[in-house]
Amino acid sequence: MPENPPDTSGFDLMFGIVLAVVIAGFAVTVALLAVNARRVRRAGHNPVTLNADLAVRVLESDLLAPGRSKEHRLRELDDLHARGVITAEEHRTARAEVLSAP
């Protein structure tokens, strides 16, 4: 007598559902990447190097730079005033702010 093959219809259905979900997830991911890349390009940046570019900007910014001493800041103000970049009143006000800061 011939044997009946095992019923795999439940497995086939589950495999089809999982495969469809994976493919849909992949398609959504690709679409979101394309939209984000387009937006980054429109803003004038390279989407491939954006993370590195941002990291370099942050590392080189004043946000992460060690605080300058009061003496250094006062010398900068004196230099700006000597070159005529700021007025005597601006110089006086800025010096007072630096000196009163903790």
N, C-alpha and C. Protein backbone atom coordinates (compact mmCIF):
# COMPACT_ATOMS: atom_id res chain seq x y z
N MET A 1 0.80 -1.19 0.00
CA MET A 1 0.00 0.00 0.00
C MET A 1 0.85 1.25 0.00
N PRO A 2 0.45 2.22 -0.82
CA PRO A 2 1.20 3.47 -0.85
C PRO A 2 0.94 4.30 0.39
N GLU A 3 2.03 4.97 0.85
CA GLU A 3 1.89 5.84 2.02
C GLU A 3 1.39 7.21 1.59
N ASN A 4 0.60 7.82 2.45
CA ASN A 4 0.13 9.19 2.19
C ASN A 4 1.22 10.17 2.60
N PRO A 5 1.54 11.14 1.74
CA PRO A 5 2.56 12.12 2.12
C PRO A 5 2.05 12.99 3.27
N PRO A 6 2.96 13.46 4.13
CA PRO A 6 2.51 14.29 5.25
C PRO A 6 1.89 15.59 4.75
N ASP A 7 0.95 16.09 5.51
CA ASP A 7 0.26 17.34 5.16
C ASP A 7 1.16 18.51 5.52
N THR A 8 1.64 19.28 4.53
CA THR A 8 2.53 20.42 4.77
C THR A 8 1.84 21.74 4.44
N SER A 9 0.54 21.72 4.29
CA SER A 9 -0.15 22.96 3.90
C SER A 9 -0.03 24.04 4.97
N GLY A 10 -0.02 23.68 6.25
CA GLY A 10 0.13 24.67 7.33
C GLY A 10 1.51 25.30 7.30
N PHE A 11 2.53 24.47 7.06
CA PHE A 11 3.90 24.98 6.97
C PHE A 11 4.06 25.89 5.76
N ASP A 12 3.50 25.45 4.63
CA ASP A 12 3.60 26.25 3.41
C ASP A 12 2.94 27.62 3.60
N LEU A 13 1.81 27.65 4.25
CA LEU A 13 1.09 28.90 4.50
C LEU A 13 1.92 29.81 5.41
N MET A 14 2.45 29.24 6.49
CA MET A 14 3.24 30.03 7.44
C MET A 14 4.51 30.55 6.76
N PHE A 15 5.16 29.72 5.96
CA PHE A 15 6.37 30.14 5.24
C PHE A 15 6.04 31.28 4.28
N GLY A 16 4.92 31.20 3.60
CA GLY A 16 4.51 32.25 2.68
C GLY A 16 4.26 33.57 3.40
N ILE A 17 3.62 33.49 4.56
CA ILE A 17 3.33 34.70 5.33
C ILE A 17 4.63 35.35 5.82
N VAL A 18 5.52 34.53 6.37
CA VAL A 18 6.80 35.05 6.87
C VAL A 18 7.60 35.66 5.73
N LEU A 19 7.64 34.98 4.60
CA LEU A 19 8.36 35.50 3.44
C LEU A 19 7.78 36.84 2.98
N ALA A 20 6.45 36.95 2.96
CA ALA A 20 5.81 38.20 2.55
C ALA A 20 6.14 39.33 3.52
N VAL A 21 6.17 39.04 4.82
CA VAL A 21 6.49 40.07 5.82
C VAL A 21 7.94 40.52 5.66
N VAL A 22 8.85 39.58 5.43
CA VAL A 22 10.25 39.92 5.26
C VAL A 22 10.44 40.78 4.01
N ILE A 23 9.81 40.42 2.93
CA ILE A 23 9.92 41.18 1.68
C ILE A 23 9.33 42.58 1.86
N ALA A 24 8.18 42.67 2.53
CA ALA A 24 7.56 43.98 2.77
C ALA A 24 8.47 44.84 3.65
N GLY A 25 9.07 44.26 4.68
CA GLY A 25 9.99 45.01 5.54
C GLY A 25 11.19 45.51 4.77
N PHE A 26 11.72 44.67 3.90
CA PHE A 26 12.86 45.06 3.07
C PHE A 26 12.47 46.22 2.15
N ALA A 27 11.29 46.13 1.53
CA ALA A 27 10.84 47.18 0.61
C ALA A 27 10.65 48.51 1.34
N VAL A 28 10.07 48.46 2.53
CA VAL A 28 9.86 49.68 3.31
C VAL A 28 11.21 50.29 3.71
N THR A 29 12.15 49.45 4.11
CA THR A 29 13.48 49.94 4.49
C THR A 29 14.17 50.62 3.32
N VAL A 30 14.13 50.02 2.16
CA VAL A 30 14.76 50.60 0.97
C VAL A 30 14.08 51.93 0.62
N ALA A 31 12.76 51.98 0.71
CA ALA A 31 12.04 53.22 0.40
C ALA A 31 12.42 54.34 1.38
N LEU A 32 12.52 54.02 2.67
CA LEU A 32 12.89 55.03 3.66
C LEU A 32 14.32 55.51 3.46
N LEU A 33 15.21 54.60 3.12
CA LEU A 33 16.59 55.00 2.83
C LEU A 33 16.65 55.95 1.63
N ALA A 34 15.86 55.67 0.61
CA ALA A 34 15.85 56.52 -0.58
C ALA A 34 15.30 57.91 -0.25
N VAL A 35 14.24 57.97 0.53
CA VAL A 35 13.66 59.26 0.91
C VAL A 35 14.66 60.06 1.74
N ASN A 36 15.30 59.41 2.71
CA ASN A 36 16.27 60.11 3.55
C ASN A 36 17.47 60.58 2.74
N ALA A 37 17.95 59.75 1.83
CA ALA A 37 19.09 60.14 0.98
C ALA A 37 18.74 61.34 0.11
N ARG A 38 17.53 61.35 -0.43
CA ARG A 38 17.10 62.47 -1.27
C ARG A 38 17.04 63.75 -0.44
N ARG A 39 16.52 63.66 0.77
CA ARG A 39 16.41 64.84 1.63
C ARG A 39 17.80 65.37 2.01
N VAL A 40 18.73 64.46 2.30
CA VAL A 40 20.08 64.87 2.65
C VAL A 40 20.77 65.54 1.46
N ARG A 41 20.59 64.97 0.27
CA ARG A 41 21.19 65.56 -0.94
C ARG A 41 20.63 66.96 -1.19
N ARG A 42 19.31 67.12 -1.01
CA ARG A 42 18.69 68.44 -1.21
C ARG A 42 19.25 69.48 -0.24
N ALA A 43 19.66 69.02 0.94
CA ALA A 43 20.23 69.93 1.94
C ALA A 43 21.70 70.23 1.65
N GLY A 44 22.24 69.61 0.59
CA GLY A 44 23.61 69.91 0.19
C GLY A 44 24.67 69.03 0.83
N HIS A 45 24.28 67.87 1.34
CA HIS A 45 25.23 66.97 1.99
C HIS A 45 25.31 65.65 1.24
N ASN A 46 26.37 64.92 1.48
CA ASN A 46 26.53 63.60 0.90
C ASN A 46 25.94 62.58 1.86
N PRO A 47 24.91 61.84 1.46
CA PRO A 47 24.27 60.90 2.39
C PRO A 47 25.19 59.76 2.83
N VAL A 48 26.20 59.45 2.04
CA VAL A 48 27.11 58.36 2.40
C VAL A 48 28.04 58.77 3.52
N THR A 49 28.48 60.03 3.52
CA THR A 49 29.45 60.49 4.52
C THR A 49 28.83 61.40 5.57
N LEU A 50 27.52 61.48 5.62
CA LEU A 50 26.85 62.43 6.53
C LEU A 50 27.22 62.18 7.99
N ASN A 51 27.19 60.95 8.45
CA ASN A 51 27.51 60.68 9.86
C ASN A 51 28.93 61.09 10.19
N ALA A 52 29.87 60.79 9.32
CA ALA A 52 31.26 61.16 9.56
C ALA A 52 31.41 62.68 9.53
N ASP A 53 30.76 63.35 8.58
CA ASP A 53 30.83 64.81 8.49
C ASP A 53 30.31 65.46 9.77
N LEU A 54 29.18 64.97 10.26
CA LEU A 54 28.60 65.52 11.49
C LEU A 54 29.50 65.27 12.69
N ALA A 55 30.08 64.07 12.76
CA ALA A 55 30.97 63.75 13.88
C ALA A 55 32.18 64.67 13.88
N VAL A 56 32.75 64.92 12.72
CA VAL A 56 33.92 65.81 12.63
C VAL A 56 33.54 67.22 13.05
N ARG A 57 32.39 67.70 12.61
CA ARG A 57 31.96 69.06 12.99
C ARG A 57 31.78 69.18 14.50
N VAL A 58 31.18 68.17 15.11
CA VAL A 58 30.97 68.22 16.56
C VAL A 58 32.30 68.17 17.28
N LEU A 59 33.19 67.27 16.86
CA LEU A 59 34.49 67.15 17.52
C LEU A 59 35.32 68.41 17.39
N GLU A 60 35.17 69.14 16.31
CA GLU A 60 35.95 70.36 16.10
C GLU A 60 35.25 71.62 16.61
N SER A 61 34.03 71.46 17.12
CA SER A 61 33.28 72.63 17.57
C SER A 61 33.69 73.06 18.96
N ASP A 62 33.20 74.21 19.35
CA ASP A 62 33.46 74.72 20.69
C ASP A 62 32.70 73.94 21.75
N LEU A 63 31.71 73.16 21.35
CA LEU A 63 30.93 72.39 22.32
C LEU A 63 31.81 71.44 23.12
N LEU A 64 32.74 70.80 22.45
CA LEU A 64 33.59 69.81 23.12
C LEU A 64 34.98 70.34 23.45
N ALA A 65 35.26 71.57 23.05
CA ALA A 65 36.56 72.16 23.34
C ALA A 65 36.65 72.49 24.83
N PRO A 66 37.83 72.36 25.39
CA PRO A 66 37.97 72.73 26.80
C PRO A 66 37.71 74.22 26.96
N GLY A 67 37.16 74.61 28.10
CA GLY A 67 36.86 76.01 28.35
C GLY A 67 38.12 76.86 28.33
N ARG A 68 38.01 78.03 27.76
CA ARG A 68 39.15 78.94 27.73
C ARG A 68 39.22 79.70 29.04
N SER A 69 40.40 80.02 29.44
CA SER A 69 40.57 80.75 30.70
C SER A 69 40.08 82.19 30.53
N LYS A 70 39.83 82.81 31.66
CA LYS A 70 39.41 84.22 31.62
C LYS A 70 40.50 85.08 30.99
N GLU A 71 41.74 84.76 31.30
CA GLU A 71 42.86 85.51 30.74
C GLU A 71 42.86 85.42 29.21
N HIS A 72 42.63 84.25 28.69
CA HIS A 72 42.60 84.06 27.23
C HIS A 72 41.45 84.83 26.61
N ARG A 73 40.28 84.76 27.24
CA ARG A 73 39.12 85.47 26.70
C ARG A 73 39.33 86.98 26.76
N LEU A 74 39.95 87.48 27.83
CA LEU A 74 40.23 88.92 27.93
C LEU A 74 41.23 89.36 26.86
N ARG A 75 42.25 88.52 26.61
CA ARG A 75 43.21 88.85 25.54
C ARG A 75 42.51 88.91 24.20
N GLU A 76 41.58 87.98 23.94
CA GLU A 76 40.83 88.00 22.68
C GLU A 76 40.04 89.30 22.55
N LEU A 77 39.39 89.70 23.63
CA LEU A 77 38.62 90.96 23.60
C LEU A 77 39.54 92.15 23.36
N ASP A 78 40.69 92.17 24.02
CA ASP A 78 41.65 93.26 23.82
C ASP A 78 42.11 93.31 22.36
N ASP A 79 42.36 92.13 21.78
CA ASP A 79 42.77 92.06 20.38
C ASP A 79 41.67 92.56 19.45
N LEU A 80 40.43 92.16 19.70
CA LEU A 80 39.31 92.63 18.87
C LEU A 80 39.18 94.15 18.94
N HIS A 81 39.34 94.69 20.15
CA HIS A 81 39.23 96.14 20.32
C HIS A 81 40.39 96.86 19.62
N ALA A 82 41.59 96.30 19.75
CA ALA A 82 42.77 96.92 19.13
C ALA A 82 42.66 96.91 17.60
N ARG A 83 42.03 95.90 17.04
CA ARG A 83 41.86 95.84 15.59
C ARG A 83 40.64 96.61 15.11
N GLY A 84 39.87 97.16 16.02
CA GLY A 84 38.70 97.94 15.65
C GLY A 84 37.47 97.12 15.30
N VAL A 85 37.50 95.84 15.67
CA VAL A 85 36.36 94.97 15.37
C VAL A 85 35.20 95.29 16.31
N ILE A 86 35.50 95.63 17.55
CA ILE A 86 34.47 96.01 18.51
C ILE A 86 34.77 97.41 19.04
N THR A 87 33.72 98.09 19.45
CA THR A 87 33.87 99.45 19.96
C THR A 87 34.36 99.41 21.40
N ALA A 88 34.73 100.59 21.92
CA ALA A 88 35.18 100.68 23.30
C ALA A 88 34.06 100.27 24.26
N GLU A 89 32.84 100.66 23.95
CA GLU A 89 31.70 100.29 24.81
C GLU A 89 31.47 98.77 24.79
N GLU A 90 31.53 98.17 23.60
CA GLU A 90 31.38 96.72 23.50
C GLU A 90 32.50 96.00 24.25
N HIS A 91 33.70 96.54 24.14
CA HIS A 91 34.86 95.97 24.84
C HIS A 91 34.65 96.02 26.34
N ARG A 92 34.23 97.17 26.84
CA ARG A 92 33.99 97.35 28.27
C ARG A 92 32.90 96.39 28.77
N THR A 93 31.81 96.30 28.01
CA THR A 93 30.71 95.41 28.41
C THR A 93 31.13 93.95 28.40
N ALA A 94 31.83 93.53 27.35
CA ALA A 94 32.26 92.14 27.23
C ALA A 94 33.27 91.79 28.33
N ARG A 95 34.18 92.71 28.65
CA ARG A 95 35.15 92.47 29.72
C ARG A 95 34.43 92.28 31.05
N ALA A 96 33.43 93.12 31.29
CA ALA A 96 32.68 93.01 32.54
C ALA A 96 31.98 91.65 32.63
N GLU A 97 31.43 91.17 31.50
CA GLU A 97 30.76 89.86 31.49
C GLU A 97 31.75 88.74 31.77
N VAL A 98 32.92 88.82 31.15
CA VAL A 98 33.93 87.78 31.38
C VAL A 98 34.39 87.77 32.82
N LEU A 99 34.62 88.96 33.36
CA LEU A 99 35.12 89.05 34.72
C LEU A 99 34.07 88.63 35.77
N SER A 100 32.79 88.81 35.44
CA SER A 100 31.75 88.45 36.41
C SER A 100 31.32 86.98 36.29
N ALA A 101 31.75 86.30 35.24
CA ALA A 101 31.37 84.90 35.05
C ALA A 101 32.12 84.02 36.04
N PRO A 102 31.50 82.95 36.49
CA PRO A 102 32.17 82.05 37.45
C PRO A 102 33.35 81.31 36.85
